[in-house]
Amino acid sequence: MNNNKINKIICKKYRPKQEYSHFQEFIDNLPYIIMTFLGAVILLLGLGMSIWGWIASGIYIIYGIVGAFWIIIFVCPYCNYYGTRSCPCGYGQIAEKLRPKKDEDRFMEKFKKHIPVIIPLWFIPIIAGGIFIIINFYWWILVLVILFAINSFIILPLLSRKYGCAHCPQRETCPWMGRRDR
């Protein structure tokens, strides 16, 4: 073990502050699940529940699931929470079953590289919903787009920042959290 890893263990700075139950992990993932569900509903209803609506909705749901697994496979092995019950979203435990542990010092690099893969999930329903509203205005599409935006751009980041990320041992090196705290 190198000195850097020994110092992390000795100083306990990077030790997890708590372990999360499966219910707590579910709560941490709920805004992402809601975002994926609302996005799929916007696509389905916006396309008039046609075959294209069902296809677009299904593809969006698959993209949401694949996006989560992308992070699990390509980012989580570099995280301090890898393989522990201290991962707020539970991804670290899943990652342990899929990939071996990697160098924690590369977490920021991997996070920056792989997070853009899931960013379109936040914008596809907003853009599609905007187009649907312009082409054929329905109040319920507008309401769904507003609910999607509130969940995806307010609730999800707030819950992540105040709940999951607040206790993260990699907070200082995280491109998302670290830059906000400086």
N, C-alpha and C. Protein backbone atom coordinates (compact mmCIF):
# COMPACT_ATOMS: atom_id res chain seq x y z
N MET A 1 0.86 -1.18 0.00
CA MET A 1 0.00 0.00 0.00
C MET A 1 0.90 1.24 0.00
N ASN A 2 0.58 2.23 -0.86
CA ASN A 2 1.43 3.42 -0.89
C ASN A 2 1.08 4.36 0.26
N ASN A 3 1.96 5.34 0.50
CA ASN A 3 1.79 6.26 1.64
C ASN A 3 0.49 7.05 1.57
N ASN A 4 0.09 7.43 0.37
CA ASN A 4 -1.15 8.20 0.21
C ASN A 4 -2.35 7.42 0.73
N LYS A 5 -2.42 6.13 0.38
CA LYS A 5 -3.54 5.30 0.84
C LYS A 5 -3.45 5.05 2.35
N ILE A 6 -2.25 4.88 2.85
CA ILE A 6 -2.07 4.69 4.30
C ILE A 6 -2.53 5.94 5.04
N ASN A 7 -2.16 7.13 4.55
CA ASN A 7 -2.58 8.38 5.19
C ASN A 7 -4.09 8.53 5.20
N LYS A 8 -4.74 8.12 4.12
CA LYS A 8 -6.21 8.21 4.06
C LYS A 8 -6.84 7.34 5.14
N ILE A 9 -6.28 6.16 5.32
CA ILE A 9 -6.84 5.24 6.32
C ILE A 9 -6.53 5.75 7.73
N ILE A 10 -5.31 6.17 7.97
CA ILE A 10 -4.91 6.62 9.31
C ILE A 10 -5.69 7.86 9.73
N CYS A 11 -5.80 8.85 8.85
CA CYS A 11 -6.45 10.09 9.27
C CYS A 11 -7.97 9.97 9.33
N LYS A 12 -8.52 8.93 8.76
CA LYS A 12 -9.96 8.65 8.76
C LYS A 12 -10.77 9.71 8.03
N LYS A 13 -10.11 10.64 7.37
CA LYS A 13 -10.81 11.68 6.63
C LYS A 13 -11.70 11.07 5.55
N TYR A 14 -11.24 10.00 4.96
CA TYR A 14 -11.95 9.41 3.85
C TYR A 14 -12.80 8.21 4.24
N ARG A 15 -12.89 7.93 5.50
CA ARG A 15 -13.72 6.82 5.94
C ARG A 15 -15.19 7.22 5.83
N PRO A 16 -16.02 6.33 5.37
CA PRO A 16 -17.45 6.63 5.26
C PRO A 16 -18.05 6.99 6.61
N LYS A 17 -18.94 7.94 6.60
CA LYS A 17 -19.56 8.39 7.84
C LYS A 17 -20.74 7.51 8.24
N GLN A 18 -21.32 6.81 7.29
CA GLN A 18 -22.46 5.96 7.62
C GLN A 18 -22.65 4.91 6.56
N GLU A 19 -23.44 3.91 6.90
CA GLU A 19 -23.84 2.91 5.93
C GLU A 19 -25.31 3.15 5.62
N TYR A 20 -25.68 2.89 4.37
CA TYR A 20 -27.03 3.18 3.90
C TYR A 20 -27.83 1.89 3.75
N SER A 21 -29.09 1.95 4.15
CA SER A 21 -29.99 0.81 3.97
C SER A 21 -30.46 0.80 2.52
N HIS A 22 -31.07 -0.30 2.12
CA HIS A 22 -31.61 -0.37 0.75
C HIS A 22 -32.71 0.67 0.56
N PHE A 23 -33.47 0.95 1.60
CA PHE A 23 -34.50 1.99 1.50
C PHE A 23 -33.87 3.36 1.26
N GLN A 24 -32.78 3.67 1.98
CA GLN A 24 -32.09 4.95 1.79
C GLN A 24 -31.50 5.05 0.38
N GLU A 25 -30.97 3.94 -0.13
CA GLU A 25 -30.45 3.91 -1.50
C GLU A 25 -31.58 4.18 -2.50
N PHE A 26 -32.74 3.58 -2.24
CA PHE A 26 -33.90 3.81 -3.10
C PHE A 26 -34.29 5.29 -3.10
N ILE A 27 -34.33 5.90 -1.92
CA ILE A 27 -34.66 7.33 -1.81
C ILE A 27 -33.65 8.17 -2.58
N ASP A 28 -32.37 7.81 -2.50
CA ASP A 28 -31.34 8.55 -3.22
C ASP A 28 -31.52 8.42 -4.74
N ASN A 29 -32.00 7.27 -5.19
CA ASN A 29 -32.21 7.03 -6.62
C ASN A 29 -33.57 7.50 -7.13
N LEU A 30 -34.49 7.79 -6.23
CA LEU A 30 -35.86 8.13 -6.63
C LEU A 30 -35.95 9.31 -7.60
N PRO A 31 -35.25 10.42 -7.39
CA PRO A 31 -35.35 11.51 -8.37
C PRO A 31 -34.88 11.10 -9.78
N TYR A 32 -33.89 10.25 -9.87
CA TYR A 32 -33.42 9.76 -11.18
C TYR A 32 -34.49 8.87 -11.81
N ILE A 33 -35.10 8.01 -11.00
CA ILE A 33 -36.17 7.14 -11.47
C ILE A 33 -37.35 7.98 -11.95
N ILE A 34 -37.73 8.98 -11.15
CA ILE A 34 -38.84 9.87 -11.53
C ILE A 34 -38.49 10.63 -12.81
N MET A 35 -37.25 11.11 -12.92
CA MET A 35 -36.83 11.83 -14.12
C MET A 35 -36.99 10.92 -15.35
N THR A 36 -36.53 9.68 -15.25
CA THR A 36 -36.62 8.75 -16.37
C THR A 36 -38.08 8.45 -16.70
N PHE A 37 -38.90 8.24 -15.69
CA PHE A 37 -40.33 7.97 -15.91
C PHE A 37 -41.02 9.17 -16.55
N LEU A 38 -40.82 10.37 -16.00
CA LEU A 38 -41.47 11.57 -16.56
C LEU A 38 -41.00 11.83 -17.99
N GLY A 39 -39.71 11.65 -18.24
CA GLY A 39 -39.19 11.83 -19.60
C GLY A 39 -39.85 10.88 -20.58
N ALA A 40 -40.01 9.63 -20.16
CA ALA A 40 -40.67 8.64 -21.02
C ALA A 40 -42.14 9.00 -21.27
N VAL A 41 -42.81 9.48 -20.23
CA VAL A 41 -44.22 9.87 -20.37
C VAL A 41 -44.36 11.07 -21.31
N ILE A 42 -43.45 12.04 -21.20
CA ILE A 42 -43.49 13.20 -22.10
C ILE A 42 -43.35 12.74 -23.55
N LEU A 43 -42.42 11.84 -23.81
CA LEU A 43 -42.22 11.34 -25.17
C LEU A 43 -43.44 10.54 -25.64
N LEU A 44 -43.96 9.69 -24.79
CA LEU A 44 -45.11 8.86 -25.15
C LEU A 44 -46.34 9.71 -25.46
N LEU A 45 -46.70 10.60 -24.54
CA LEU A 45 -47.90 11.40 -24.72
C LEU A 45 -47.73 12.48 -25.79
N GLY A 46 -46.52 13.03 -25.87
CA GLY A 46 -46.25 14.05 -26.87
C GLY A 46 -46.37 13.53 -28.28
N LEU A 47 -46.07 12.25 -28.45
CA LEU A 47 -46.20 11.62 -29.77
C LEU A 47 -47.55 10.93 -29.92
N GLY A 48 -48.49 11.28 -29.07
CA GLY A 48 -49.87 10.81 -29.19
C GLY A 48 -50.08 9.34 -28.93
N MET A 49 -49.28 8.76 -28.08
CA MET A 49 -49.36 7.34 -27.74
C MET A 49 -49.35 6.46 -28.99
N SER A 50 -48.69 6.94 -30.03
CA SER A 50 -48.53 6.18 -31.27
C SER A 50 -47.42 5.15 -31.08
N ILE A 51 -47.22 4.34 -32.08
CA ILE A 51 -46.14 3.36 -32.03
C ILE A 51 -44.80 4.08 -31.85
N TRP A 52 -44.66 5.27 -32.46
CA TRP A 52 -43.43 6.04 -32.33
C TRP A 52 -43.28 6.58 -30.91
N GLY A 53 -44.39 6.90 -30.27
CA GLY A 53 -44.35 7.33 -28.88
C GLY A 53 -43.88 6.21 -27.96
N TRP A 54 -44.40 5.01 -28.20
CA TRP A 54 -43.98 3.86 -27.39
C TRP A 54 -42.51 3.53 -27.63
N ILE A 55 -42.08 3.62 -28.88
CA ILE A 55 -40.68 3.34 -29.20
C ILE A 55 -39.77 4.39 -28.55
N ALA A 56 -40.11 5.67 -28.72
CA ALA A 56 -39.29 6.75 -28.13
C ALA A 56 -39.25 6.62 -26.61
N SER A 57 -40.40 6.34 -26.02
CA SER A 57 -40.49 6.17 -24.57
C SER A 57 -39.63 5.00 -24.10
N GLY A 58 -39.73 3.89 -24.80
CA GLY A 58 -38.94 2.70 -24.45
C GLY A 58 -37.45 2.94 -24.59
N ILE A 59 -37.05 3.62 -25.67
CA ILE A 59 -35.63 3.93 -25.86
C ILE A 59 -35.13 4.85 -24.76
N TYR A 60 -35.94 5.82 -24.36
CA TYR A 60 -35.54 6.72 -23.29
C TYR A 60 -35.35 5.97 -21.97
N ILE A 61 -36.26 5.07 -21.65
CA ILE A 61 -36.14 4.27 -20.42
C ILE A 61 -34.88 3.41 -20.48
N ILE A 62 -34.65 2.78 -21.62
CA ILE A 62 -33.43 1.96 -21.78
C ILE A 62 -32.19 2.84 -21.62
N TYR A 63 -32.22 4.02 -22.21
CA TYR A 63 -31.09 4.96 -22.08
C TYR A 63 -30.86 5.32 -20.61
N GLY A 64 -31.93 5.54 -19.85
CA GLY A 64 -31.80 5.84 -18.42
C GLY A 64 -31.15 4.69 -17.65
N ILE A 65 -31.54 3.48 -17.97
CA ILE A 65 -30.97 2.29 -17.30
C ILE A 65 -29.52 2.10 -17.72
N VAL A 66 -29.26 2.17 -19.03
CA VAL A 66 -27.90 2.02 -19.53
C VAL A 66 -27.00 3.13 -18.97
N GLY A 67 -27.53 4.34 -18.85
CA GLY A 67 -26.76 5.45 -18.30
C GLY A 67 -26.32 5.18 -16.87
N ALA A 68 -27.22 4.64 -16.07
CA ALA A 68 -26.86 4.30 -14.68
C ALA A 68 -25.77 3.23 -14.66
N PHE A 69 -25.93 2.21 -15.50
CA PHE A 69 -24.91 1.16 -15.55
C PHE A 69 -23.60 1.66 -16.14
N TRP A 70 -23.66 2.62 -17.03
CA TRP A 70 -22.43 3.21 -17.57
C TRP A 70 -21.61 3.82 -16.43
N ILE A 71 -22.29 4.56 -15.56
CA ILE A 71 -21.61 5.17 -14.41
C ILE A 71 -21.09 4.08 -13.47
N ILE A 72 -21.91 3.08 -13.22
CA ILE A 72 -21.51 1.97 -12.34
C ILE A 72 -20.25 1.29 -12.88
N ILE A 73 -20.19 1.08 -14.17
CA ILE A 73 -19.08 0.33 -14.77
C ILE A 73 -17.83 1.19 -14.96
N PHE A 74 -18.01 2.45 -15.36
CA PHE A 74 -16.84 3.25 -15.75
C PHE A 74 -16.41 4.31 -14.73
N VAL A 75 -17.22 4.59 -13.71
CA VAL A 75 -16.83 5.59 -12.71
C VAL A 75 -16.71 4.96 -11.32
N CYS A 76 -17.67 4.16 -10.94
CA CYS A 76 -17.69 3.61 -9.58
C CYS A 76 -16.46 2.81 -9.17
N PRO A 77 -15.81 2.07 -10.06
CA PRO A 77 -14.61 1.34 -9.62
C PRO A 77 -13.49 2.25 -9.13
N TYR A 78 -13.56 3.54 -9.44
CA TYR A 78 -12.53 4.50 -9.02
C TYR A 78 -12.93 5.25 -7.74
N CYS A 79 -14.08 4.94 -7.21
CA CYS A 79 -14.62 5.67 -6.06
C CYS A 79 -14.22 5.01 -4.73
N ASN A 80 -14.10 5.84 -3.71
CA ASN A 80 -13.82 5.33 -2.35
C ASN A 80 -14.96 4.48 -1.82
N TYR A 81 -16.17 4.67 -2.31
CA TYR A 81 -17.33 3.91 -1.84
C TYR A 81 -17.47 2.56 -2.52
N TYR A 82 -16.63 2.28 -3.48
CA TYR A 82 -16.69 1.02 -4.23
C TYR A 82 -16.80 -0.16 -3.27
N GLY A 83 -17.81 -0.99 -3.50
CA GLY A 83 -17.96 -2.22 -2.74
C GLY A 83 -18.40 -2.06 -1.30
N THR A 84 -18.91 -0.88 -0.94
CA THR A 84 -19.32 -0.67 0.46
C THR A 84 -20.81 -0.36 0.56
N ARG A 85 -21.32 -0.48 1.76
CA ARG A 85 -22.71 -0.08 2.06
C ARG A 85 -22.76 1.42 2.30
N SER A 86 -21.64 2.10 2.12
CA SER A 86 -21.57 3.53 2.36
C SER A 86 -21.78 4.34 1.09
N CYS A 87 -22.10 3.68 0.00
CA CYS A 87 -22.43 4.36 -1.24
C CYS A 87 -23.91 4.75 -1.16
N PRO A 88 -24.23 6.06 -1.14
CA PRO A 88 -25.61 6.50 -0.94
C PRO A 88 -26.60 5.96 -1.98
N CYS A 89 -26.14 5.73 -3.19
CA CYS A 89 -27.06 5.25 -4.23
C CYS A 89 -26.97 3.74 -4.43
N GLY A 90 -26.03 3.09 -3.77
CA GLY A 90 -25.90 1.64 -3.89
C GLY A 90 -25.11 1.19 -5.11
N TYR A 91 -24.67 2.12 -5.92
CA TYR A 91 -23.94 1.77 -7.14
C TYR A 91 -22.62 1.06 -6.84
N GLY A 92 -21.97 1.44 -5.74
CA GLY A 92 -20.68 0.87 -5.39
C GLY A 92 -20.74 -0.63 -5.18
N GLN A 93 -21.84 -1.11 -4.61
CA GLN A 93 -22.01 -2.54 -4.40
C GLN A 93 -22.22 -3.28 -5.71
N ILE A 94 -22.96 -2.65 -6.62
CA ILE A 94 -23.20 -3.26 -7.94
C ILE A 94 -21.89 -3.28 -8.73
N ALA A 95 -21.15 -2.17 -8.67
CA ALA A 95 -19.88 -2.07 -9.40
C ALA A 95 -18.92 -3.18 -8.99
N GLU A 96 -18.92 -3.50 -7.71
CA GLU A 96 -18.02 -4.53 -7.20
C GLU A 96 -18.27 -5.88 -7.88
N LYS A 97 -19.51 -6.14 -8.25
CA LYS A 97 -19.87 -7.40 -8.90
C LYS A 97 -19.51 -7.40 -10.39
N LEU A 98 -19.31 -6.21 -10.96
CA LEU A 98 -19.09 -6.10 -12.40
C LEU A 98 -17.66 -5.79 -12.81
N ARG A 99 -16.93 -5.06 -11.97
CA ARG A 99 -15.58 -4.61 -12.32
C ARG A 99 -14.68 -4.67 -11.09
N PRO A 100 -13.39 -4.92 -11.30
CA PRO A 100 -12.46 -4.87 -10.15
C PRO A 100 -12.21 -3.42 -9.73
N LYS A 101 -11.76 -3.26 -8.51
CA LYS A 101 -11.41 -1.94 -7.96
C LYS A 101 -10.30 -1.32 -8.80
N LYS A 102 -10.39 -0.01 -9.00
CA LYS A 102 -9.37 0.73 -9.77
C LYS A 102 -8.74 1.80 -8.88
N ASP A 103 -7.81 2.54 -9.44
CA ASP A 103 -7.07 3.57 -8.73
C ASP A 103 -7.96 4.76 -8.37
N GLU A 104 -8.17 4.98 -7.07
CA GLU A 104 -9.04 6.07 -6.60
C GLU A 104 -8.54 7.46 -7.01
N ASP A 105 -7.25 7.58 -7.24
CA ASP A 105 -6.69 8.87 -7.64
C ASP A 105 -7.15 9.29 -9.04
N ARG A 106 -7.74 8.39 -9.79
CA ARG A 106 -8.22 8.70 -11.14
C ARG A 106 -9.73 8.98 -11.18
N PHE A 107 -10.36 9.08 -10.00
CA PHE A 107 -11.80 9.29 -9.95
C PHE A 107 -12.23 10.54 -10.72
N MET A 108 -11.59 11.67 -10.48
CA MET A 108 -11.99 12.92 -11.13
C MET A 108 -11.88 12.79 -12.65
N GLU A 109 -10.81 12.21 -13.12
CA GLU A 109 -10.61 12.01 -14.56
C GLU A 109 -11.73 11.16 -15.15
N LYS A 110 -12.07 10.07 -14.50
CA LYS A 110 -13.11 9.17 -15.00
C LYS A 110 -14.49 9.82 -14.90
N PHE A 111 -14.74 10.54 -13.82
CA PHE A 111 -16.02 11.24 -13.65
C PHE A 111 -16.21 12.23 -14.80
N LYS A 112 -15.22 13.07 -15.05
CA LYS A 112 -15.31 14.07 -16.12
C LYS A 112 -15.49 13.43 -17.48
N LYS A 113 -14.85 12.30 -17.69
CA LYS A 113 -14.92 11.63 -18.98
C LYS A 113 -16.27 10.97 -19.23
N HIS A 114 -16.87 10.38 -18.20
CA HIS A 114 -18.05 9.54 -18.41
C HIS A 114 -19.38 10.20 -18.06
N ILE A 115 -19.40 11.22 -17.24
CA ILE A 115 -20.66 11.88 -16.89
C ILE A 115 -21.38 12.46 -18.11
N PRO A 116 -20.66 13.00 -19.12
CA PRO A 116 -21.37 13.53 -20.29
C PRO A 116 -22.23 12.51 -21.03
N VAL A 117 -21.98 11.23 -20.83
CA VAL A 117 -22.77 10.19 -21.48
C VAL A 117 -24.24 10.26 -21.05
N ILE A 118 -24.49 10.64 -19.79
CA ILE A 118 -25.88 10.66 -19.30
C ILE A 118 -26.53 12.05 -19.34
N ILE A 119 -25.77 13.08 -19.62
CA ILE A 119 -26.33 14.44 -19.61
C ILE A 119 -27.53 14.62 -20.55
N PRO A 120 -27.56 14.00 -21.73
CA PRO A 120 -28.75 14.16 -22.59
C PRO A 120 -30.06 13.73 -21.94
N LEU A 121 -30.00 12.85 -20.95
CA LEU A 121 -31.22 12.44 -20.25
C LEU A 121 -31.96 13.64 -19.66
N TRP A 122 -31.24 14.68 -19.28
CA TRP A 122 -31.83 15.87 -18.68
C TRP A 122 -32.46 16.79 -19.74
N PHE A 123 -32.02 16.67 -20.98
CA PHE A 123 -32.44 17.64 -21.99
C PHE A 123 -33.39 17.10 -23.07
N ILE A 124 -33.34 15.81 -23.34
CA ILE A 124 -34.21 15.23 -24.37
C ILE A 124 -35.69 15.53 -24.09
N PRO A 125 -36.21 15.26 -22.88
CA PRO A 125 -37.63 15.54 -22.63
C PRO A 125 -37.98 17.03 -22.68
N ILE A 126 -37.06 17.89 -22.24
CA ILE A 126 -37.31 19.34 -22.28
C ILE A 126 -37.41 19.80 -23.73
N ILE A 127 -36.46 19.39 -24.55
CA ILE A 127 -36.46 19.80 -25.96
C ILE A 127 -37.67 19.20 -26.68
N ALA A 128 -37.89 17.90 -26.51
CA ALA A 128 -39.04 17.25 -27.17
C ALA A 128 -40.35 17.86 -26.67
N GLY A 129 -40.45 18.06 -25.36
CA GLY A 129 -41.67 18.67 -24.80
C GLY A 129 -41.90 20.06 -25.35
N GLY A 130 -40.84 20.85 -25.48
CA GLY A 130 -40.96 22.19 -26.07
C GLY A 130 -41.47 22.12 -27.51
N ILE A 131 -40.95 21.18 -28.26
CA ILE A 131 -41.41 21.00 -29.65
C ILE A 131 -42.88 20.58 -29.67
N PHE A 132 -43.25 19.64 -28.80
CA PHE A 132 -44.65 19.19 -28.75
C PHE A 132 -45.58 20.35 -28.40
N ILE A 133 -45.15 21.20 -27.47
CA ILE A 133 -45.97 22.34 -27.04
C ILE A 133 -46.13 23.34 -28.19
N ILE A 134 -45.06 23.57 -28.93
CA ILE A 134 -45.13 24.52 -30.06
C ILE A 134 -46.02 23.97 -31.18
N ILE A 135 -45.87 22.70 -31.48
CA ILE A 135 -46.62 22.09 -32.59
C ILE A 135 -48.10 21.95 -32.24
N ASN A 136 -48.38 21.47 -31.05
CA ASN A 136 -49.77 21.19 -30.66
C ASN A 136 -49.88 21.37 -29.15
N PHE A 137 -50.24 22.56 -28.70
CA PHE A 137 -50.24 22.88 -27.27
C PHE A 137 -51.29 22.09 -26.49
N TYR A 138 -50.79 21.44 -25.45
CA TYR A 138 -51.65 20.78 -24.46
C TYR A 138 -51.11 21.15 -23.09
N TRP A 139 -52.01 21.53 -22.19
CA TRP A 139 -51.61 21.91 -20.83
C TRP A 139 -50.89 20.78 -20.12
N TRP A 140 -51.36 19.55 -20.31
CA TRP A 140 -50.76 18.44 -19.57
C TRP A 140 -49.33 18.19 -20.00
N ILE A 141 -48.98 18.45 -21.26
CA ILE A 141 -47.57 18.32 -21.68
C ILE A 141 -46.75 19.41 -21.00
N LEU A 142 -47.29 20.63 -20.96
CA LEU A 142 -46.60 21.73 -20.29
C LEU A 142 -46.38 21.40 -18.81
N VAL A 143 -47.40 20.87 -18.16
CA VAL A 143 -47.29 20.49 -16.74
C VAL A 143 -46.23 19.40 -16.56
N LEU A 144 -46.24 18.40 -17.43
CA LEU A 144 -45.24 17.33 -17.33
C LEU A 144 -43.82 17.85 -17.53
N VAL A 145 -43.65 18.77 -18.49
CA VAL A 145 -42.33 19.35 -18.73
C VAL A 145 -41.88 20.16 -17.51
N ILE A 146 -42.79 20.91 -16.91
CA ILE A 146 -42.45 21.69 -15.71
C ILE A 146 -42.10 20.76 -14.56
N LEU A 147 -42.88 19.70 -14.35
CA LEU A 147 -42.58 18.73 -13.30
C LEU A 147 -41.23 18.05 -13.55
N PHE A 148 -40.99 17.70 -14.81
CA PHE A 148 -39.71 17.10 -15.18
C PHE A 148 -38.56 18.06 -14.83
N ALA A 149 -38.70 19.33 -15.20
CA ALA A 149 -37.65 20.32 -14.95
C ALA A 149 -37.42 20.52 -13.46
N ILE A 150 -38.49 20.61 -12.67
CA ILE A 150 -38.36 20.78 -11.22
C ILE A 150 -37.63 19.59 -10.61
N ASN A 151 -38.05 18.38 -11.00
CA ASN A 151 -37.42 17.18 -10.47
C ASN A 151 -35.95 17.08 -10.90
N SER A 152 -35.70 17.29 -12.19
CA SER A 152 -34.38 17.03 -12.76
C SER A 152 -33.35 18.12 -12.47
N PHE A 153 -33.80 19.37 -12.40
CA PHE A 153 -32.85 20.47 -12.24
C PHE A 153 -32.86 21.10 -10.84
N ILE A 154 -33.82 20.71 -10.00
CA ILE A 154 -33.86 21.25 -8.64
C ILE A 154 -33.78 20.12 -7.61
N ILE A 155 -34.75 19.21 -7.64
CA ILE A 155 -34.82 18.17 -6.60
C ILE A 155 -33.63 17.21 -6.70
N LEU A 156 -33.36 16.67 -7.89
CA LEU A 156 -32.28 15.70 -8.04
C LEU A 156 -30.93 16.29 -7.62
N PRO A 157 -30.52 17.46 -8.14
CA PRO A 157 -29.23 18.00 -7.68
C PRO A 157 -29.21 18.37 -6.20
N LEU A 158 -30.33 18.90 -5.70
CA LEU A 158 -30.39 19.28 -4.29
C LEU A 158 -30.26 18.05 -3.39
N LEU A 159 -30.99 17.00 -3.72
CA LEU A 159 -30.90 15.77 -2.93
C LEU A 159 -29.49 15.19 -3.01
N SER A 160 -28.91 15.19 -4.20
CA SER A 160 -27.54 14.68 -4.35
C SER A 160 -26.57 15.50 -3.51
N ARG A 161 -26.68 16.80 -3.61
CA ARG A 161 -25.74 17.70 -2.92
C ARG A 161 -25.90 17.65 -1.40
N LYS A 162 -27.11 17.59 -0.91
CA LYS A 162 -27.35 17.65 0.54
C LYS A 162 -27.38 16.28 1.21
N TYR A 163 -27.61 15.23 0.44
CA TYR A 163 -27.75 13.91 1.04
C TYR A 163 -26.58 13.00 0.64
N GLY A 164 -26.53 12.58 -0.61
CA GLY A 164 -25.50 11.65 -1.04
C GLY A 164 -24.11 12.25 -1.07
N CYS A 165 -23.96 13.36 -1.75
CA CYS A 165 -22.64 13.98 -1.92
C CYS A 165 -22.11 14.62 -0.64
N ALA A 166 -23.00 14.98 0.26
CA ALA A 166 -22.59 15.68 1.48
C ALA A 166 -21.63 14.86 2.33
N HIS A 167 -21.72 13.54 2.25
CA HIS A 167 -20.87 12.67 3.07
C HIS A 167 -19.83 11.93 2.24
N CYS A 168 -19.69 12.29 1.00
CA CYS A 168 -18.79 11.57 0.10
C CYS A 168 -17.33 11.83 0.45
N PRO A 169 -16.54 10.75 0.58
CA PRO A 169 -15.12 10.93 0.87
C PRO A 169 -14.36 11.51 -0.32
N GLN A 170 -14.95 11.51 -1.49
CA GLN A 170 -14.29 12.06 -2.67
C GLN A 170 -14.83 13.43 -3.02
N ARG A 171 -15.51 14.03 -2.11
CA ARG A 171 -16.13 15.34 -2.33
C ARG A 171 -15.13 16.38 -2.85
N GLU A 172 -13.93 16.40 -2.28
CA GLU A 172 -12.94 17.41 -2.67
C GLU A 172 -12.43 17.22 -4.09
N THR A 173 -12.44 15.99 -4.58
CA THR A 173 -11.93 15.72 -5.92
C THR A 173 -13.03 15.53 -6.95
N CYS A 174 -14.26 15.67 -6.55
CA CYS A 174 -15.38 15.49 -7.47
C CYS A 174 -15.57 16.74 -8.32
N PRO A 175 -15.59 16.60 -9.63
CA PRO A 175 -15.80 17.77 -10.49
C PRO A 175 -17.14 18.46 -10.25
N TRP A 176 -18.14 17.71 -9.84
CA TRP A 176 -19.46 18.30 -9.62
C TRP A 176 -19.55 18.99 -8.26
N MET A 177 -19.10 18.32 -7.21
CA MET A 177 -19.19 18.90 -5.87
C MET A 177 -18.04 19.84 -5.57
N GLY A 178 -16.83 19.44 -5.87
CA GLY A 178 -15.65 20.20 -5.52
C GLY A 178 -15.64 21.61 -6.05
N ARG A 179 -16.05 21.80 -7.28
CA ARG A 179 -16.00 23.14 -7.86
C ARG A 179 -17.02 24.07 -7.22
N ARG A 180 -18.06 23.55 -6.62
CA ARG A 180 -19.06 24.38 -5.97
C ARG A 180 -18.64 24.80 -4.57
N ASP A 181 -17.76 24.00 -3.99
CA ASP A 181 -17.34 24.29 -2.62
C ASP A 181 -16.11 25.20 -2.57
N ARG A 182 -15.53 25.49 -3.69
CA ARG A 182 -14.29 26.29 -3.70
C ARG A 182 -14.59 27.74 -3.85
